[in-house]
Amino acid sequence: MIRSFYQHTHCDNISLISKETLQAVGQVTLATIIKESNKDE
C-alpha cells in the first residue's frame, strides 16, 4: 500500500483533489446513503 502524507493547510481547495479521489468518495457516500435509507424498509 502506498501512503501519501500530505499536510493540509488553510489554502487547500477543491482543485487540489484528484478527480479519481473525489469520485471514489462520492461513490462510497452515495452507497452509504442508499444502504442507510433502505434500513427502514
Protein backbone atom coordinates (compact mmCIF):
# COMPACT_ATOMS: atom_id res chain seq x y z
CA MET A 1 0.00 0.00 0.00
CA ILE A 2 1.32 3.40 -0.92
CA ARG A 3 0.74 6.02 1.73
CA SER A 4 0.81 9.69 0.96
CA PHE A 5 1.49 12.10 3.77
CA TYR A 6 0.01 15.46 2.93
CA GLN A 7 -0.09 18.32 5.39
CA HIS A 8 -3.39 20.16 4.97
CA THR A 9 -3.37 23.93 5.17
CA HIS A 10 -5.90 26.78 5.15
CA CYS A 11 -5.00 27.28 1.48
CA ASP A 12 -6.40 23.88 0.44
CA ASN A 13 -9.20 23.95 -2.10
CA ILE A 14 -11.18 21.58 -4.31
CA SER A 15 -8.73 21.96 -7.20
CA LEU A 16 -6.12 20.04 -5.18
CA ILE A 17 -8.28 16.89 -5.00
CA SER A 18 -7.85 14.42 -7.84
CA LYS A 19 -10.93 13.51 -9.88
CA GLU A 20 -10.36 9.85 -9.03
CA THR A 21 -10.33 10.50 -5.29
CA LEU A 22 -13.39 12.72 -5.48
CA GLN A 23 -15.24 10.07 -7.49
CA ALA A 24 -14.31 7.32 -5.02
CA VAL A 25 -15.51 9.37 -2.05
CA GLY A 26 -18.71 10.25 -3.87
CA GLN A 27 -19.42 6.61 -4.70
CA VAL A 28 -18.88 5.47 -1.12
CA THR A 29 -21.01 8.32 0.22
CA LEU A 30 -23.86 7.58 -2.19
CA ALA A 31 -23.73 3.83 -1.46
CA THR A 32 -23.84 4.55 2.28
CA ILE A 33 -26.82 6.88 1.92
CA ILE A 34 -28.70 4.30 -0.15
CA LYS A 35 -27.86 1.48 2.27
CA GLU A 36 -28.88 3.51 5.32
CA SER A 37 -32.11 4.71 3.71
CA ASN A 38 -33.09 1.10 2.94
CA LYS A 39 -32.72 0.01 6.58
CA ASP A 40 -36.18 1.35 7.38
CA GLU A 41 -37.88 -0.84 4.79
